[in-house]
Every structure is written in structure tokens, then in C-alpha cells.
């Protein structure tokens, strides 16, 4: 689903006055499962609360968020958990909106759909880095972040290993496909970020347990 810079863009909206390293790292932590190597779709689904091939609805995401924030005291933990479940909700909304539109607009076969998607979201990462003033600060904060285990989904070492891998990828200019975005343009993604962040600020934060509450 969306790659790290989209998740960081949403974290940038959720953090007050700006996102902390823990929030940023949490916002990509569900994908840390990739460091295990050749994982199945089902294995990845576990870290994203997938059941019977479907992402969870907003109520299930909220229930899990409230359960995990209550497991430990401390702002760093709360922010990490906030980021983790914000990631899952972001994936859900991406599938329901931009990705659904993409599949309607692009009638290619499954393999071509996947190739074009990966090319566009790769390009999008670099477009966001160049266009957003906060991008450099976010990547620097990520370098200083400390991982947490979220049992039974991911462990601390996986989260920190994934952080290192993604930072290296984002800082390597040779990873940019250098194509023109057609389906996942900056204006579409910016609207998605604004809308999803607004929804998350209500879904995961009404009791004041969230990141802004300290």
C-alpha cells in the first residue's frame, strides 16, 4: 500500500507541533515484517490485522489501538502505538480511495498493474521529499528513533532493521524511477493525506490518550 513518505506525511499532520521519532517509526512499523525475507501475503497480513484477506474496519483498528496504548506507560510508547495503528488505517483508506480509483482507471493485467503501481509509488516517495519542507527533518528524526516490540506482530530488532533499510533506500537517488506520475499525483495524495489525518485525529484520539495528550 502507500510507502513510507505517505505515512510520514500523515504523521506530520498528527504530531503537535511536529511528529516525534516514536510516532514516525510507529507509522512504518507494521511493514517491518518485510525484513524476515520471503514472507507470504498471509504473514504480512498478520501485522496489519488482516482477516480472511480483508483489512480491518475502523472499529477493530480503534479497539486494538486502545488495547495496546494501555499496555505500558510513557509518551514514547503511546506515540509508537498511535503511529502503528494510524498506518493500518491509512492502508485501509488508501485501498478504498486512491488504489480503488487506480484499478478502475488502469485496465491492464495483474502483473502490469503491480509494475506500474510500484513505479509510481517509488516516484512518489522522491516527489514528496522534494516538495515538502518537513521531509529532511522527518528523515533525520527517524535516524534517532528507538524501536519497540508490538507482540505478536513485530519485535524491536525488526522495526529498527526496517527503519535502517528504508532510510538507506530513500537517501539513494538511484532508486528514483524518474517517471511522470499519472495515477498517484501529488495533488491527489496531498488531499488523501489531509483527509486521512483528519479522520485519524477523531478515530484514535477522542479520549485524549493519543500523542497530543502526552
C-alpha atoms as a PDB file:
ATOM      1  CA  UNK A   1       0.000   0.000   0.000  1.00  0.00           C
ATOM      2  CA  UNK A   2       1.371   3.554   0.421  1.00  0.00           C
ATOM      3  CA  UNK A   3       5.089   3.706   1.058  1.00  0.00           C
ATOM      4  CA  UNK A   4       6.841   5.442   3.981  1.00  0.00           C
ATOM      5  CA  UNK A   5       6.737   9.069   2.819  1.00  0.00           C
ATOM      6  CA  UNK A   6       2.932   8.972   2.670  1.00  0.00           C
ATOM      7  CA  UNK A   7       2.801   7.557   6.197  1.00  0.00           C
ATOM      8  CA  UNK A   8       5.282  10.226   7.318  1.00  0.00           C
ATOM      9  CA  UNK A   9       3.135  12.922   5.693  1.00  0.00           C
ATOM     10  CA  UNK A  10       0.183  11.786   7.792  1.00  0.00           C
ATOM     11  CA  UNK A  11       2.341  11.598  10.925  1.00  0.00           C
ATOM     12  CA  UNK A  12       3.413  15.162  10.173  1.00  0.00           C
ATOM     13  CA  UNK A  13      -0.250  16.179  10.367  1.00  0.00           C
ATOM     14  CA  UNK A  14      -0.922  14.174  13.534  1.00  0.00           C
ATOM     15  CA  UNK A  15       2.081  15.324  15.563  1.00  0.00           C
ATOM     16  CA  UNK A  16       1.716  18.556  17.533  1.00  0.00           C
ATOM     17  CA  UNK A  17       3.562  20.749  16.874  1.00  0.00           C
ATOM     18  CA  UNK A  18       5.502  18.163  14.874  1.00  0.00           C
ATOM     19  CA  UNK A  19       5.899  14.379  14.885  1.00  0.00           C
ATOM     20  CA  UNK A  20       8.316  12.723  17.284  1.00  0.00           C
ATOM     21  CA  UNK A  21      10.734   9.936  16.316  1.00  0.00           C
ATOM     22  CA  UNK A  22       8.470   7.398  18.035  1.00  0.00           C
ATOM     23  CA  UNK A  23       5.399   8.443  16.065  1.00  0.00           C
ATOM     24  CA  UNK A  24       7.344   8.335  12.803  1.00  0.00           C
ATOM     25  CA  UNK A  25       8.817   4.915  13.472  1.00  0.00           C
ATOM     26  CA  UNK A  26       5.462   3.540  14.561  1.00  0.00           C
ATOM     27  CA  UNK A  27       3.947   4.786  11.319  1.00  0.00           C
ATOM     28  CA  UNK A  28       6.048   2.331   9.280  1.00  0.00           C
ATOM     29  CA  UNK A  29       6.409  -0.452  11.873  1.00  0.00           C
ATOM     30  CA  UNK A  30       3.683  -2.774  10.501  1.00  0.00           C
ATOM     31  CA  UNK A  31       5.795  -3.193   7.356  1.00  0.00           C
ATOM     32  CA  UNK A  32       8.843  -4.272   9.376  1.00  0.00           C
ATOM     33  CA  UNK A  33       7.666  -7.821   8.694  1.00  0.00           C
ATOM     34  CA  UNK A  34       9.468  -7.487   5.340  1.00  0.00           C
ATOM     35  CA  UNK A  35      12.873  -7.886   6.997  1.00  0.00           C
ATOM     36  CA  UNK A  36      12.047 -11.552   7.578  1.00  0.00           C
ATOM     37  CA  UNK A  37      12.739 -12.229   3.904  1.00  0.00           C
ATOM     38  CA  UNK A  38      10.348 -14.052   1.611  1.00  0.00           C
ATOM     39  CA  UNK A  39       7.109 -13.663   3.520  1.00  0.00           C
ATOM     40  CA  UNK A  40       3.672 -14.716   2.365  1.00  0.00           C
ATOM     41  CA  UNK A  41       0.746 -12.370   1.919  1.00  0.00           C
ATOM     42  CA  UNK A  42      -0.819 -14.035   4.963  1.00  0.00           C
ATOM     43  CA  UNK A  43       2.265 -13.355   7.118  1.00  0.00           C
ATOM     44  CA  UNK A  44       2.220  -9.688   6.192  1.00  0.00           C
ATOM     45  CA  UNK A  45      -1.497  -9.619   6.842  1.00  0.00           C
ATOM     46  CA  UNK A  46      -0.997 -10.589  10.479  1.00  0.00           C
ATOM     47  CA  UNK A  47       0.874  -7.355  11.246  1.00  0.00           C
ATOM     48  CA  UNK A  48      -1.936  -5.391   9.586  1.00  0.00           C
ATOM     49  CA  UNK A  49      -4.835  -7.143  11.379  1.00  0.00           C
ATOM     50  CA  UNK A  50      -5.961  -8.727   8.114  1.00  0.00           C
ATOM     51  CA  UNK A  51      -8.677 -11.366   8.485  1.00  0.00           C
ATOM     52  CA  UNK A  52      -9.844 -13.586   5.625  1.00  0.00           C
ATOM     53  CA  UNK A  53      -7.934 -11.436   3.172  1.00  0.00           C
ATOM     54  CA  UNK A  54      -9.548  -8.193   4.323  1.00  0.00           C
ATOM     55  CA  UNK A  55      -8.059  -5.251   6.179  1.00  0.00           C
ATOM     56  CA  UNK A  56      -9.811  -4.496   9.492  1.00  0.00           C
ATOM     57  CA  UNK A  57     -12.572  -1.942   9.703  1.00  0.00           C
ATOM     58  CA  UNK A  58     -12.090   1.269  11.650  1.00  0.00           C
ATOM     59  CA  UNK A  59     -13.716  -0.110  14.802  1.00  0.00           C
ATOM     60  CA  UNK A  60     -11.291  -3.027  15.005  1.00  0.00           C
ATOM     61  CA  UNK A  61      -8.335  -0.719  14.432  1.00  0.00           C
ATOM     62  CA  UNK A  62      -9.538   1.543  17.233  1.00  0.00           C
ATOM     63  CA  UNK A  63     -10.131  -1.374  19.617  1.00  0.00           C
ATOM     64  CA  UNK A  64      -6.596  -2.666  19.082  1.00  0.00           C
ATOM     65  CA  UNK A  65      -5.134   0.812  19.442  1.00  0.00           C
ATOM     66  CA  UNK A  66      -6.849   1.332  22.794  1.00  0.00           C
ATOM     67  CA  UNK A  67      -5.744  -2.113  23.976  1.00  0.00           C
ATOM     68  CA  UNK A  68      -2.080  -1.544  23.153  1.00  0.00           C
ATOM     69  CA  UNK A  69      -1.731   2.015  24.439  1.00  0.00           C
ATOM     70  CA  UNK A  70      -2.888   0.716  27.817  1.00  0.00           C
ATOM     71  CA  UNK A  71      -0.110  -1.893  27.970  1.00  0.00           C
ATOM     72  CA  UNK A  72       2.696   0.463  29.027  1.00  0.00           C
ATOM     73  CA  UNK A  73       3.074   3.966  30.436  1.00  0.00           C
ATOM     74  CA  UNK A  74       5.114   6.633  28.723  1.00  0.00           C
ATOM     75  CA  UNK A  75       4.714   9.027  25.827  1.00  0.00           C
ATOM     76  CA  UNK A  76       7.179   7.245  23.531  1.00  0.00           C
ATOM     77  CA  UNK A  77       5.187   4.021  23.722  1.00  0.00           C
ATOM     78  CA  UNK A  78       1.868   5.788  23.186  1.00  0.00           C
ATOM     79  CA  UNK A  79       3.200   7.621  20.154  1.00  0.00           C
ATOM     80  CA  UNK A  80       4.679   4.453  18.678  1.00  0.00           C
ATOM     81  CA  UNK A  81       1.349   2.644  19.060  1.00  0.00           C
ATOM     82  CA  UNK A  82      -0.507   5.646  17.637  1.00  0.00           C
ATOM     83  CA  UNK A  83       1.735   5.534  14.576  1.00  0.00           C
ATOM     84  CA  UNK A  84       1.345   1.767  14.225  1.00  0.00           C
ATOM     85  CA  UNK A  85      -2.442   1.792  14.063  1.00  0.00           C
ATOM     86  CA  UNK A  86      -2.515   5.021  12.061  1.00  0.00           C
ATOM     87  CA  UNK A  87      -0.513   3.077   9.455  1.00  0.00           C
ATOM     88  CA  UNK A  88      -3.136   0.332   9.285  1.00  0.00           C
ATOM     89  CA  UNK A  89      -5.980   2.838   8.964  1.00  0.00           C
ATOM     90  CA  UNK A  90      -4.046   4.691   6.267  1.00  0.00           C
ATOM     91  CA  UNK A  91      -3.643   1.453   4.317  1.00  0.00           C
ATOM     92  CA  UNK A  92      -7.370   0.796   4.654  1.00  0.00           C
ATOM     93  CA  UNK A  93      -8.325   4.228   3.329  1.00  0.00           C
ATOM     94  CA  UNK A  94      -5.731   4.003   0.537  1.00  0.00           C
ATOM     95  CA  UNK A  95      -7.291   0.740  -0.662  1.00  0.00           C
ATOM     96  CA  UNK A  96     -10.757   2.280  -0.508  1.00  0.00           C
ATOM     97  CA  UNK A  97      -9.858   5.502  -2.337  1.00  0.00           C
ATOM     98  CA  UNK A  98      -6.726   6.063  -4.432  1.00  0.00           C
ATOM     99  CA  UNK A  99      -5.939   2.409  -5.076  1.00  0.00           C
ATOM    100  CA  UNK A 100      -9.561   1.627  -5.947  1.00  0.00           C
ATOM    101  CA  UNK A 101      -9.517   4.516  -8.426  1.00  0.00           C
ATOM    102  CA  UNK A 102      -6.237   3.253  -9.873  1.00  0.00           C
ATOM    103  CA  UNK A 103      -7.706  -0.174 -10.579  1.00  0.00           C
ATOM    104  CA  UNK A 104     -10.700   1.412 -12.294  1.00  0.00           C
ATOM    105  CA  UNK A 105      -8.547   3.681 -14.456  1.00  0.00           C
ATOM    106  CA  UNK A 106      -5.884   1.125 -15.383  1.00  0.00           C
ATOM    107  CA  UNK A 107      -7.342  -1.945 -17.069  1.00  0.00           C
ATOM    108  CA  UNK A 108      -4.010  -3.750 -17.509  1.00  0.00           C
ATOM    109  CA  UNK A 109      -3.366  -7.309 -16.354  1.00  0.00           C
ATOM    110  CA  UNK A 110      -2.394  -8.045 -12.762  1.00  0.00           C
ATOM    111  CA  UNK A 111       1.362  -8.117 -13.406  1.00  0.00           C
ATOM    112  CA  UNK A 112       1.310  -4.805 -15.281  1.00  0.00           C
ATOM    113  CA  UNK A 113      -0.842  -3.247 -12.576  1.00  0.00           C
ATOM    114  CA  UNK A 114       1.698  -4.239  -9.951  1.00  0.00           C
ATOM    115  CA  UNK A 115       4.654  -2.965 -12.002  1.00  0.00           C
ATOM    116  CA  UNK A 116       3.069   0.415 -12.727  1.00  0.00           C
ATOM    117  CA  UNK A 117       1.969   0.760  -9.118  1.00  0.00           C
ATOM    118  CA  UNK A 118       5.459   0.082  -7.759  1.00  0.00           C
ATOM    119  CA  UNK A 119       6.984   2.528 -10.237  1.00  0.00           C
ATOM    120  CA  UNK A 120       4.545   5.278  -9.336  1.00  0.00           C
ATOM    121  CA  UNK A 121       4.744   4.905  -5.570  1.00  0.00           C
ATOM    122  CA  UNK A 122       8.538   4.779  -5.810  1.00  0.00           C
ATOM    123  CA  UNK A 123       8.491   8.036  -7.760  1.00  0.00           C
ATOM    124  CA  UNK A 124       6.018   9.495  -5.295  1.00  0.00           C
ATOM    125  CA  UNK A 125       8.479   8.969  -2.444  1.00  0.00           C
ATOM    126  CA  UNK A 126      11.010  11.256  -4.103  1.00  0.00           C
ATOM    127  CA  UNK A 127       8.390  13.780  -5.194  1.00  0.00           C
ATOM    128  CA  UNK A 128       7.284  14.143  -1.579  1.00  0.00           C
ATOM    129  CA  UNK A 129      10.868  14.502  -0.364  1.00  0.00           C
ATOM    130  CA  UNK A 130      11.485  17.324  -2.856  1.00  0.00           C
ATOM    131  CA  UNK A 131       8.182  19.130  -2.404  1.00  0.00           C
ATOM    132  CA  UNK A 132       7.712  19.076   1.377  1.00  0.00           C
ATOM    133  CA  UNK A 133       9.773  21.300   3.651  1.00  0.00           C
ATOM    134  CA  UNK A 134       9.401  18.880   6.550  1.00  0.00           C
ATOM    135  CA  UNK A 135      10.891  15.908   4.695  1.00  0.00           C
ATOM    136  CA  UNK A 136      14.513  16.427   5.715  1.00  0.00           C
ATOM    137  CA  UNK A 137      13.588  16.924   9.363  1.00  0.00           C
ATOM    138  CA  UNK A 138      11.450  13.788   9.380  1.00  0.00           C
ATOM    139  CA  UNK A 139      14.214  11.617   7.953  1.00  0.00           C
ATOM    140  CA  UNK A 140      16.696  12.999  10.477  1.00  0.00           C
ATOM    141  CA  UNK A 141      14.307  12.269  13.338  1.00  0.00           C
ATOM    142  CA  UNK A 142      13.790   8.756  12.065  1.00  0.00           C
ATOM    143  CA  UNK A 143      17.528   8.118  12.377  1.00  0.00           C
ATOM    144  CA  UNK A 144      17.254   8.803  16.115  1.00  0.00           C
ATOM    145  CA  UNK A 145      14.144   6.708  16.726  1.00  0.00           C
ATOM    146  CA  UNK A 146      14.085   3.730  19.080  1.00  0.00           C
ATOM    147  CA  UNK A 147      12.059   0.670  18.177  1.00  0.00           C
ATOM    148  CA  UNK A 148       9.508  -1.170  20.272  1.00  0.00           C
ATOM    149  CA  UNK A 149       8.102  -4.671  20.065  1.00  0.00           C
ATOM    150  CA  UNK A 150       4.384  -4.955  19.468  1.00  0.00           C
ATOM    151  CA  UNK A 151       3.608  -8.542  20.372  1.00  0.00           C
ATOM    152  CA  UNK A 152       2.697 -10.678  18.486  1.00  0.00           C
ATOM    153  CA  UNK A 153       3.161  -8.544  15.368  1.00  0.00           C
ATOM    154  CA  UNK A 154       6.746  -7.242  15.212  1.00  0.00           C
ATOM    155  CA  UNK A 155       9.758  -7.217  17.503  1.00  0.00           C
ATOM    156  CA  UNK A 156      12.133  -4.363  18.320  1.00  0.00           C
ATOM    157  CA  UNK A 157      15.014  -5.585  16.175  1.00  0.00           C
ATOM    158  CA  UNK A 158      12.762  -5.990  13.125  1.00  0.00           C
ATOM    159  CA  UNK A 159      11.433  -2.465  13.500  1.00  0.00           C
ATOM    160  CA  UNK A 160      14.913  -0.971  13.808  1.00  0.00           C
ATOM    161  CA  UNK A 161      16.269  -3.050  10.940  1.00  0.00           C
ATOM    162  CA  UNK A 162      13.402  -1.922   8.722  1.00  0.00           C
ATOM    163  CA  UNK A 163      13.992   1.713   9.676  1.00  0.00           C
ATOM    164  CA  UNK A 164      17.636   1.400   8.573  1.00  0.00           C
ATOM    165  CA  UNK A 165      16.658  -0.275   5.299  1.00  0.00           C
ATOM    166  CA  UNK A 166      14.067   2.358   4.384  1.00  0.00           C
ATOM    167  CA  UNK A 167      16.319   5.274   5.273  1.00  0.00           C
ATOM    168  CA  UNK A 168      19.062   3.890   3.066  1.00  0.00           C
ATOM    169  CA  UNK A 169      16.583   3.383   0.230  1.00  0.00           C
ATOM    170  CA  UNK A 170      15.133   6.893   0.492  1.00  0.00           C
ATOM    171  CA  UNK A 171      18.561   8.518   0.572  1.00  0.00           C
ATOM    172  CA  UNK A 172      19.744   6.702  -2.547  1.00  0.00           C
ATOM    173  CA  UNK A 173      18.878   8.873  -5.557  1.00  0.00           C
ATOM    174  CA  UNK A 174      19.385   5.937  -7.897  1.00  0.00           C
ATOM    175  CA  UNK A 175      16.158   4.401  -6.575  1.00  0.00           C
ATOM    176  CA  UNK A 176      14.056   7.106  -8.222  1.00  0.00           C
ATOM    177  CA  UNK A 177      12.409   5.764 -11.406  1.00  0.00           C
ATOM    178  CA  UNK A 178      12.284   9.298 -12.876  1.00  0.00           C
ATOM    179  CA  UNK A 179       8.846   8.883 -14.401  1.00  0.00           C
ATOM    180  CA  UNK A 180       5.861  11.202 -14.613  1.00  0.00           C
ATOM    181  CA  UNK A 181       3.120  10.397 -12.131  1.00  0.00           C
ATOM    182  CA  UNK A 182      -0.188   9.589 -13.787  1.00  0.00           C
ATOM    183  CA  UNK A 183      -2.343   7.837 -11.201  1.00  0.00           C
ATOM    184  CA  UNK A 184      -0.829   8.860  -7.847  1.00  0.00           C
ATOM    185  CA  UNK A 185      -0.148  12.542  -8.423  1.00  0.00           C
ATOM    186  CA  UNK A 186       0.975  14.867  -5.659  1.00  0.00           C
ATOM    187  CA  UNK A 187      -2.288  16.774  -5.578  1.00  0.00           C
ATOM    188  CA  UNK A 188      -4.315  13.571  -5.183  1.00  0.00           C
ATOM    189  CA  UNK A 189      -2.007  12.284  -2.478  1.00  0.00           C
ATOM    190  CA  UNK A 190      -1.964  15.588  -0.609  1.00  0.00           C
ATOM    191  CA  UNK A 191      -5.774  15.535  -0.451  1.00  0.00           C
ATOM    192  CA  UNK A 192      -5.638  11.945   0.737  1.00  0.00           C
ATOM    193  CA  UNK A 193      -3.158  12.871   3.481  1.00  0.00           C
ATOM    194  CA  UNK A 194      -5.284  15.774   4.712  1.00  0.00           C
ATOM    195  CA  UNK A 195      -8.488  13.738   4.752  1.00  0.00           C
ATOM    196  CA  UNK A 196      -6.968  10.656   6.375  1.00  0.00           C
ATOM    197  CA  UNK A 197      -5.167  12.643   9.062  1.00  0.00           C
ATOM    198  CA  UNK A 198      -8.418  14.423   9.919  1.00  0.00           C
ATOM    199  CA  UNK A 199     -10.219  11.084  10.217  1.00  0.00           C
ATOM    200  CA  UNK A 200      -7.449   9.623  12.369  1.00  0.00           C
ATOM    201  CA  UNK A 201      -7.463  12.575  14.741  1.00  0.00           C
ATOM    202  CA  UNK A 202     -11.036  11.613  15.577  1.00  0.00           C
ATOM    203  CA  UNK A 203     -10.863   7.827  15.324  1.00  0.00           C
ATOM    204  CA  UNK A 204      -7.831   7.251  17.544  1.00  0.00           C
ATOM    205  CA  UNK A 205      -7.863  10.313  19.713  1.00  0.00           C
ATOM    206  CA  UNK A 206     -11.200  11.153  21.334  1.00  0.00           C
ATOM    207  CA  UNK A 207     -10.222  10.133  24.876  1.00  0.00           C
ATOM    208  CA  UNK A 208      -7.020  12.179  24.931  1.00  0.00           C
ATOM    209  CA  UNK A 209      -4.855   9.036  25.087  1.00  0.00           C
ATOM    210  CA  UNK A 210      -3.214   9.968  21.809  1.00  0.00           C
ATOM    211  CA  UNK A 211       0.112  11.624  21.083  1.00  0.00           C
ATOM    212  CA  UNK A 212      -1.014  15.194  21.687  1.00  0.00           C
ATOM    213  CA  UNK A 213      -2.172  14.296  25.168  1.00  0.00           C
ATOM    214  CA  UNK A 214       1.362  13.407  26.262  1.00  0.00           C
END
